Amino acid sequence: KNILGTSSVASIEKNTKSVLESKKTPSQAPAKK
């Protein structure tokens, strides 16, 4: 964490949470009808 730096650690944690959220609620692509 020290080598990565505070802002990088915060970014990694935020992005990881975002990936988790997108996994739970994947965006839906339009389907051909």
ModelCIF file with pLDDT and N, C-alpha, C, O atoms, coordinates in Angstrom:
data_MODEL
#
_entry.id   MODEL 
#
_entity.id                         1 
_entity.type                       polymer 
_entity.pdbx_number_of_molecules   1 
#
_entity_poly.entity_id                      1 
_entity_poly.type                           'polypeptide(L)' 
_entity_poly.nstd_linkage                   no 
_entity_poly.nstd_monomer                   no 
_entity_poly.pdbx_seq_one_letter_code       KNILGTSSVASIEKNTKSVLESKKTPSQAPAKK 
_entity_poly.pdbx_seq_one_letter_code_can   KNILGTSSVASIEKNTKSVLESKKTPSQAPAKK 
_entity_poly.pdbx_strand_id                 A 
#
loop_
_entity_poly_seq.entity_id 
_entity_poly_seq.num 
_entity_poly_seq.mon_id 
_entity_poly_seq.hetero 
1 1  LYS n 
1 2  ASN n 
1 3  ILE n 
1 4  LEU n 
1 5  GLY n 
1 6  THR n 
1 7  SER n 
1 8  SER n 
1 9  VAL n 
1 10 ALA n 
1 11 SER n 
1 12 ILE n 
1 13 GLU n 
1 14 LYS n 
1 15 ASN n 
1 16 THR n 
1 17 LYS n 
1 18 SER n 
1 19 VAL n 
1 20 LEU n 
1 21 GLU n 
1 22 SER n 
1 23 LYS n 
1 24 LYS n 
1 25 THR n 
1 26 PRO n 
1 27 SER n 
1 28 GLN n 
1 29 ALA n 
1 30 PRO n 
1 31 ALA n 
1 32 LYS n 
1 33 LYS n 
#
_struct_asym.id          A 
_struct_asym.entity_id   1 
#
loop_
_ma_qa_metric.id 
_ma_qa_metric.mode 
_ma_qa_metric.name 
_ma_qa_metric.software_group_id 
_ma_qa_metric.type 
1 global pLDDT . pLDDT 
2 local  pLDDT . pLDDT 
#
_ma_qa_metric_global.metric_id      1 
_ma_qa_metric_global.metric_value   90.03 
_ma_qa_metric_global.model_id       1 
_ma_qa_metric_global.ordinal_id     1 
#
loop_
_ma_qa_metric_local.label_asym_id 
_ma_qa_metric_local.label_comp_id 
_ma_qa_metric_local.label_seq_id 
_ma_qa_metric_local.metric_id 
_ma_qa_metric_local.metric_value 
_ma_qa_metric_local.model_id 
_ma_qa_metric_local.ordinal_id 
A LYS 1  2 96.00 1 1  
A ASN 2  2 93.00 1 2  
A ILE 3  2 93.00 1 3  
A LEU 4  2 95.00 1 4  
A GLY 5  2 95.00 1 5  
A THR 6  2 97.00 1 6  
A SER 7  2 97.00 1 7  
A SER 8  2 97.00 1 8  
A VAL 9  2 97.00 1 9  
A ALA 10 2 97.00 1 10 
A SER 11 2 97.00 1 11 
A ILE 12 2 97.00 1 12 
A GLU 13 2 97.00 1 13 
A LYS 14 2 96.00 1 14 
A ASN 15 2 96.00 1 15 
A THR 16 2 95.00 1 16 
A LYS 17 2 94.00 1 17 
A SER 18 2 92.00 1 18 
A VAL 19 2 92.00 1 19 
A LEU 20 2 91.00 1 20 
A GLU 21 2 90.00 1 21 
A SER 22 2 88.00 1 22 
A LYS 23 2 87.00 1 23 
A LYS 24 2 86.00 1 24 
A THR 25 2 84.00 1 25 
A PRO 26 2 72.00 1 26 
A SER 27 2 74.00 1 27 
A GLN 28 2 76.00 1 28 
A ALA 29 2 76.00 1 29 
A PRO 30 2 81.00 1 30 
A ALA 31 2 82.00 1 31 
A LYS 32 2 86.00 1 32 
A LYS 33 2 85.00 1 33 
#
loop_
_atom_site.group_PDB 
_atom_site.id 
_atom_site.type_symbol 
_atom_site.label_atom_id 
_atom_site.label_alt_id 
_atom_site.label_comp_id 
_atom_site.label_asym_id 
_atom_site.label_entity_id 
_atom_site.label_seq_id 
_atom_site.pdbx_PDB_ins_code 
_atom_site.Cartn_x 
_atom_site.Cartn_y 
_atom_site.Cartn_z 
_atom_site.occupancy 
_atom_site.B_iso_or_equiv 
_atom_site.pdbx_formal_charge 
_atom_site.auth_seq_id 
_atom_site.auth_comp_id 
_atom_site.auth_asym_id 
_atom_site.auth_atom_id 
_atom_site.pdbx_PDB_model_num 
ATOM 1   N N  . LYS A 1 1  ? 0.823   -1.207  0.000   1.00 96.00 ? 1  LYS A N  1 
ATOM 2   C CA . LYS A 1 1  ? 0.000   0.000   0.000   1.00 96.00 ? 1  LYS A CA 1 
ATOM 3   C C  . LYS A 1 1  ? 0.860   1.261   0.000   1.00 96.00 ? 1  LYS A C  1 
ATOM 4   O O  . LYS A 1 1  ? 0.521   2.244   -0.658  1.00 96.00 ? 1  LYS A O  1 
ATOM 5   N N  . ASN A 1 2  ? 1.959   1.235   0.728   1.00 93.00 ? 2  ASN A N  1 
ATOM 6   C CA . ASN A 1 2  ? 2.858   2.384   0.769   1.00 93.00 ? 2  ASN A CA 1 
ATOM 7   C C  . ASN A 1 2  ? 3.488   2.629   -0.609  1.00 93.00 ? 2  ASN A C  1 
ATOM 8   O O  . ASN A 1 2  ? 3.565   3.769   -1.067  1.00 93.00 ? 2  ASN A O  1 
ATOM 9   N N  . ILE A 1 3  ? 3.930   1.566   -1.255  1.00 93.00 ? 3  ILE A N  1 
ATOM 10  C CA . ILE A 1 3  ? 4.550   1.696   -2.584  1.00 93.00 ? 3  ILE A CA 1 
ATOM 11  C C  . ILE A 1 3  ? 3.521   2.162   -3.613  1.00 93.00 ? 3  ILE A C  1 
ATOM 12  O O  . ILE A 1 3  ? 3.816   3.014   -4.451  1.00 93.00 ? 3  ILE A O  1 
ATOM 13  N N  . LEU A 1 4  ? 2.316   1.600   -3.547  1.00 95.00 ? 4  LEU A N  1 
ATOM 14  C CA . LEU A 1 4  ? 1.266   2.000   -4.494  1.00 95.00 ? 4  LEU A CA 1 
ATOM 15  C C  . LEU A 1 4  ? 0.842   3.443   -4.260  1.00 95.00 ? 4  LEU A C  1 
ATOM 16  O O  . LEU A 1 4  ? 0.557   4.170   -5.212  1.00 95.00 ? 4  LEU A O  1 
ATOM 17  N N  . GLY A 1 5  ? 0.801   3.853   -3.027  1.00 95.00 ? 5  GLY A N  1 
ATOM 18  C CA . GLY A 1 5  ? 0.372   5.209   -2.686  1.00 95.00 ? 5  GLY A CA 1 
ATOM 19  C C  . GLY A 1 5  ? -1.111  5.266   -2.368  1.00 95.00 ? 5  GLY A C  1 
ATOM 20  O O  . GLY A 1 5  ? -1.900  4.455   -2.852  1.00 95.00 ? 5  GLY A O  1 
ATOM 21  N N  . THR A 1 6  ? -1.470  6.228   -1.553  1.00 97.00 ? 6  THR A N  1 
ATOM 22  C CA . THR A 1 6  ? -2.849  6.350   -1.062  1.00 97.00 ? 6  THR A CA 1 
ATOM 23  C C  . THR A 1 6  ? -3.862  6.457   -2.186  1.00 97.00 ? 6  THR A C  1 
ATOM 24  O O  . THR A 1 6  ? -4.900  5.797   -2.149  1.00 97.00 ? 6  THR A O  1 
ATOM 25  N N  . SER A 1 7  ? -3.576  7.282   -3.187  1.00 97.00 ? 7  SER A N  1 
ATOM 26  C CA . SER A 1 7  ? -4.563  7.470   -4.262  1.00 97.00 ? 7  SER A CA 1 
ATOM 27  C C  . SER A 1 7  ? -4.713  6.213   -5.108  1.00 97.00 ? 7  SER A C  1 
ATOM 28  O O  . SER A 1 7  ? -5.821  5.893   -5.540  1.00 97.00 ? 7  SER A O  1 
ATOM 29  N N  . SER A 1 8  ? -3.621  5.495   -5.354  1.00 97.00 ? 8  SER A N  1 
ATOM 30  C CA . SER A 1 8  ? -3.718  4.253   -6.125  1.00 97.00 ? 8  SER A CA 1 
ATOM 31  C C  . SER A 1 8  ? -4.468  3.177   -5.352  1.00 97.00 ? 8  SER A C  1 
ATOM 32  O O  . SER A 1 8  ? -5.275  2.445   -5.926  1.00 97.00 ? 8  SER A O  1 
ATOM 33  N N  . VAL A 1 9  ? -4.209  3.079   -4.061  1.00 97.00 ? 9  VAL A N  1 
ATOM 34  C CA . VAL A 1 9  ? -4.924  2.103   -3.234  1.00 97.00 ? 9  VAL A CA 1 
ATOM 35  C C  . VAL A 1 9  ? -6.416  2.408   -3.251  1.00 97.00 ? 9  VAL A C  1 
ATOM 36  O O  . VAL A 1 9  ? -7.236  1.505   -3.421  1.00 97.00 ? 9  VAL A O  1 
ATOM 37  N N  . ALA A 1 10 ? -6.766  3.671   -3.077  1.00 97.00 ? 10 ALA A N  1 
ATOM 38  C CA . ALA A 1 10 ? -8.178  4.072   -3.100  1.00 97.00 ? 10 ALA A CA 1 
ATOM 39  C C  . ALA A 1 10 ? -8.804  3.763   -4.457  1.00 97.00 ? 10 ALA A C  1 
ATOM 40  O O  . ALA A 1 10 ? -9.943  3.301   -4.524  1.00 97.00 ? 10 ALA A O  1 
ATOM 41  N N  . SER A 1 11 ? -8.071  4.014   -5.529  1.00 97.00 ? 11 SER A N  1 
ATOM 42  C CA . SER A 1 11 ? -8.564  3.740   -6.877  1.00 97.00 ? 11 SER A CA 1 
ATOM 43  C C  . SER A 1 11 ? -8.763  2.237   -7.105  1.00 97.00 ? 11 SER A C  1 
ATOM 44  O O  . SER A 1 11 ? -9.780  1.819   -7.659  1.00 97.00 ? 11 SER A O  1 
ATOM 45  N N  . ILE A 1 12 ? -7.792  1.435   -6.677  1.00 97.00 ? 12 ILE A N  1 
ATOM 46  C CA . ILE A 1 12 ? -7.900  -0.024  -6.829  1.00 97.00 ? 12 ILE A CA 1 
ATOM 47  C C  . ILE A 1 12 ? -9.117  -0.534  -6.060  1.00 97.00 ? 12 ILE A C  1 
ATOM 48  O O  . ILE A 1 12 ? -9.879  -1.357  -6.568  1.00 97.00 ? 12 ILE A O  1 
ATOM 49  N N  . GLU A 1 13 ? -9.297  -0.046  -4.838  1.00 97.00 ? 13 GLU A N  1 
ATOM 50  C CA . GLU A 1 13 ? -10.432 -0.491  -4.028  1.00 97.00 ? 13 GLU A CA 1 
ATOM 51  C C  . GLU A 1 13 ? -11.752 -0.050  -4.658  1.00 97.00 ? 13 GLU A C  1 
ATOM 52  O O  . GLU A 1 13 ? -12.703 -0.829  -4.710  1.00 97.00 ? 13 GLU A O  1 
ATOM 53  N N  . LYS A 1 14 ? -11.816 1.180   -5.130  1.00 96.00 ? 14 LYS A N  1 
ATOM 54  C CA . LYS A 1 14 ? -13.038 1.691   -5.763  1.00 96.00 ? 14 LYS A CA 1 
ATOM 55  C C  . LYS A 1 14 ? -13.352 0.907   -7.037  1.00 96.00 ? 14 LYS A C  1 
ATOM 56  O O  . LYS A 1 14 ? -14.498 0.515   -7.256  1.00 96.00 ? 14 LYS A O  1 
ATOM 57  N N  . ASN A 1 15 ? -12.344 0.679   -7.873  1.00 96.00 ? 15 ASN A N  1 
ATOM 58  C CA . ASN A 1 15 ? -12.554 -0.067  -9.116  1.00 96.00 ? 15 ASN A CA 1 
ATOM 59  C C  . ASN A 1 15 ? -12.971 -1.505  -8.849  1.00 96.00 ? 15 ASN A C  1 
ATOM 60  O O  . ASN A 1 15 ? -13.798 -2.059  -9.574  1.00 96.00 ? 15 ASN A O  1 
ATOM 61  N N  . THR A 1 16 ? -12.402 -2.114  -7.808  1.00 95.00 ? 16 THR A N  1 
ATOM 62  C CA . THR A 1 16 ? -12.762 -3.483  -7.468  1.00 95.00 ? 16 THR A CA 1 
ATOM 63  C C  . THR A 1 16 ? -14.219 -3.558  -7.034  1.00 95.00 ? 16 THR A C  1 
ATOM 64  O O  . THR A 1 16 ? -14.934 -4.489  -7.406  1.00 95.00 ? 16 THR A O  1 
ATOM 65  N N  . LYS A 1 17 ? -14.657 -2.585  -6.251  1.00 94.00 ? 17 LYS A N  1 
ATOM 66  C CA . LYS A 1 17 ? -16.071 -2.529  -5.853  1.00 94.00 ? 17 LYS A CA 1 
ATOM 67  C C  . LYS A 1 17 ? -16.966 -2.320  -7.085  1.00 94.00 ? 17 LYS A C  1 
ATOM 68  O O  . LYS A 1 17 ? -18.046 -2.903  -7.175  1.00 94.00 ? 17 LYS A O  1 
ATOM 69  N N  . SER A 1 18 ? -16.517 -1.498  -8.017  1.00 92.00 ? 18 SER A N  1 
ATOM 70  C CA . SER A 1 18 ? -17.298 -1.255  -9.239  1.00 92.00 ? 18 SER A CA 1 
ATOM 71  C C  . SER A 1 18 ? -17.431 -2.524  -10.076 1.00 92.00 ? 18 SER A C  1 
ATOM 72  O O  . SER A 1 18 ? -18.499 -2.819  -10.611 1.00 92.00 ? 18 SER A O  1 
ATOM 73  N N  . VAL A 1 19 ? -16.327 -3.275  -10.181 1.00 92.00 ? 19 VAL A N  1 
ATOM 74  C CA . VAL A 1 19 ? -16.373 -4.535  -10.924 1.00 92.00 ? 19 VAL A CA 1 
ATOM 75  C C  . VAL A 1 19 ? -17.349 -5.496  -10.251 1.00 92.00 ? 19 VAL A C  1 
ATOM 76  O O  . VAL A 1 19 ? -18.112 -6.186  -10.927 1.00 92.00 ? 19 VAL A O  1 
ATOM 77  N N  . LEU A 1 20 ? -17.324 -5.538  -8.933  1.00 91.00 ? 20 LEU A N  1 
ATOM 78  C CA . LEU A 1 20 ? -18.242 -6.393  -8.187  1.00 91.00 ? 20 LEU A CA 1 
ATOM 79  C C  . LEU A 1 20 ? -19.685 -5.991  -8.456  1.00 91.00 ? 20 LEU A C  1 
ATOM 80  O O  . LEU A 1 20 ? -20.537 -6.846  -8.696  1.00 91.00 ? 20 LEU A O  1 
ATOM 81  N N  . GLU A 1 21 ? -19.956 -4.698  -8.418  1.00 90.00 ? 21 GLU A N  1 
ATOM 82  C CA . GLU A 1 21 ? -21.320 -4.210  -8.664  1.00 90.00 ? 21 GLU A CA 1 
ATOM 83  C C  . GLU A 1 21 ? -21.776 -4.521  -10.087 1.00 90.00 ? 21 GLU A C  1 
ATOM 84  O O  . GLU A 1 21 ? -22.929 -4.899  -10.297 1.00 90.00 ? 21 GLU A O  1 
ATOM 85  N N  . SER A 1 22 ? -20.880 -4.365  -11.070 1.00 88.00 ? 22 SER A N  1 
ATOM 86  C CA . SER A 1 22 ? -21.266 -4.660  -12.459 1.00 88.00 ? 22 SER A CA 1 
ATOM 87  C C  . SER A 1 22 ? -21.468 -6.162  -12.666 1.00 88.00 ? 22 SER A C  1 
ATOM 88  O O  . SER A 1 22 ? -22.242 -6.576  -13.529 1.00 88.00 ? 22 SER A O  1 
ATOM 89  N N  . LYS A 1 23 ? -20.782 -6.958  -11.883 1.00 87.00 ? 23 LYS A N  1 
ATOM 90  C CA . LYS A 1 23 ? -20.979 -8.412  -11.953 1.00 87.00 ? 23 LYS A CA 1 
ATOM 91  C C  . LYS A 1 23 ? -22.373 -8.776  -11.426 1.00 87.00 ? 23 LYS A C  1 
ATOM 92  O O  . LYS A 1 23 ? -23.030 -9.682  -11.940 1.00 87.00 ? 23 LYS A O  1 
ATOM 93  N N  . LYS A 1 24 ? -22.805 -8.055  -10.398 1.00 86.00 ? 24 LYS A N  1 
ATOM 94  C CA . LYS A 1 24 ? -24.118 -8.307  -9.811  1.00 86.00 ? 24 LYS A CA 1 
ATOM 95  C C  . LYS A 1 24 ? -25.245 -7.833  -10.721 1.00 86.00 ? 24 LYS A C  1 
ATOM 96  O O  . LYS A 1 24 ? -26.291 -8.476  -10.812 1.00 86.00 ? 24 LYS A O  1 
ATOM 97  N N  . THR A 1 25 ? -25.029 -6.714  -11.388 1.00 84.00 ? 25 THR A N  1 
ATOM 98  C CA . THR A 1 25 ? -26.068 -6.137  -12.243 1.00 84.00 ? 25 THR A CA 1 
ATOM 99  C C  . THR A 1 25 ? -25.479 -5.833  -13.607 1.00 84.00 ? 25 THR A C  1 
ATOM 100 O O  . THR A 1 25 ? -25.227 -4.672  -13.933 1.00 84.00 ? 25 THR A O  1 
ATOM 101 N N  . PRO A 1 26 ? -25.256 -6.875  -14.412 1.00 72.00 ? 26 PRO A N  1 
ATOM 102 C CA . PRO A 1 26 ? -24.639 -6.644  -15.721 1.00 72.00 ? 26 PRO A CA 1 
ATOM 103 C C  . PRO A 1 26 ? -25.538 -5.788  -16.614 1.00 72.00 ? 26 PRO A C  1 
ATOM 104 O O  . PRO A 1 26 ? -26.765 -5.879  -16.564 1.00 72.00 ? 26 PRO A O  1 
ATOM 105 N N  . SER A 1 27 ? -24.902 -4.972  -17.417 1.00 74.00 ? 27 SER A N  1 
ATOM 106 C CA . SER A 1 27 ? -25.688 -4.162  -18.354 1.00 74.00 ? 27 SER A CA 1 
ATOM 107 C C  . SER A 1 27 ? -26.259 -5.082  -19.421 1.00 74.00 ? 27 SER A C  1 
ATOM 108 O O  . SER A 1 27 ? -25.656 -6.086  -19.802 1.00 74.00 ? 27 SER A O  1 
ATOM 109 N N  . GLN A 1 28 ? -27.421 -4.710  -19.881 1.00 76.00 ? 28 GLN A N  1 
ATOM 110 C CA . GLN A 1 28 ? -28.085 -5.534  -20.887 1.00 76.00 ? 28 GLN A CA 1 
ATOM 111 C C  . GLN A 1 28 ? -27.893 -4.912  -22.259 1.00 76.00 ? 28 GLN A C  1 
ATOM 112 O O  . GLN A 1 28 ? -28.147 -3.725  -22.467 1.00 76.00 ? 28 GLN A O  1 
ATOM 113 N N  . ALA A 1 29 ? -27.447 -5.725  -23.171 1.00 76.00 ? 29 ALA A N  1 
ATOM 114 C CA . ALA A 1 29 ? -27.301 -5.266  -24.548 1.00 76.00 ? 29 ALA A CA 1 
ATOM 115 C C  . ALA A 1 29 ? -28.652 -5.424  -25.247 1.00 76.00 ? 29 ALA A C  1 
ATOM 116 O O  . ALA A 1 29 ? -29.407 -6.353  -24.957 1.00 76.00 ? 29 ALA A O  1 
ATOM 117 N N  . PRO A 1 30 ? -28.943 -4.518  -26.159 1.00 81.00 ? 30 PRO A N  1 
ATOM 118 C CA . PRO A 1 30 ? -30.202 -4.659  -26.893 1.00 81.00 ? 30 PRO A CA 1 
ATOM 119 C C  . PRO A 1 30 ? -30.234 -5.999  -27.634 1.00 81.00 ? 30 PRO A C  1 
ATOM 120 O O  . PRO A 1 30 ? -29.238 -6.432  -28.213 1.00 81.00 ? 30 PRO A O  1 
ATOM 121 N N  . ALA A 1 31 ? -31.391 -6.635  -27.600 1.00 82.00 ? 31 ALA A N  1 
ATOM 122 C CA . ALA A 1 31 ? -31.554 -7.929  -28.275 1.00 82.00 ? 31 ALA A CA 1 
ATOM 123 C C  . ALA A 1 31 ? -32.324 -7.731  -29.576 1.00 82.00 ? 31 ALA A C  1 
ATOM 124 O O  . ALA A 1 31 ? -33.250 -6.923  -29.658 1.00 82.00 ? 31 ALA A O  1 
ATOM 125 N N  . LYS A 1 32 ? -31.921 -8.481  -30.576 1.00 86.00 ? 32 LYS A N  1 
ATOM 126 C CA . LYS A 1 32 ? -32.627 -8.423  -31.854 1.00 86.00 ? 32 LYS A CA 1 
ATOM 127 C C  . LYS A 1 32 ? -33.981 -9.091  -31.671 1.00 86.00 ? 32 LYS A C  1 
ATOM 128 O O  . LYS A 1 32 ? -34.083 -10.167 -31.082 1.00 86.00 ? 32 LYS A O  1 
ATOM 129 N N  . LYS A 1 33 ? -35.001 -8.451  -32.173 1.00 85.00 ? 33 LYS A N  1 
ATOM 130 C CA . LYS A 1 33 ? -36.361 -8.934  -32.029 1.00 85.00 ? 33 LYS A CA 1 
ATOM 131 C C  . LYS A 1 33 ? -36.938 -9.171  -33.408 1.00 85.00 ? 33 LYS A C  1 
ATOM 132 O O  . LYS A 1 33 ? -38.090 -9.585  -33.532 1.00 85.00 ? 33 LYS A O  1 
#
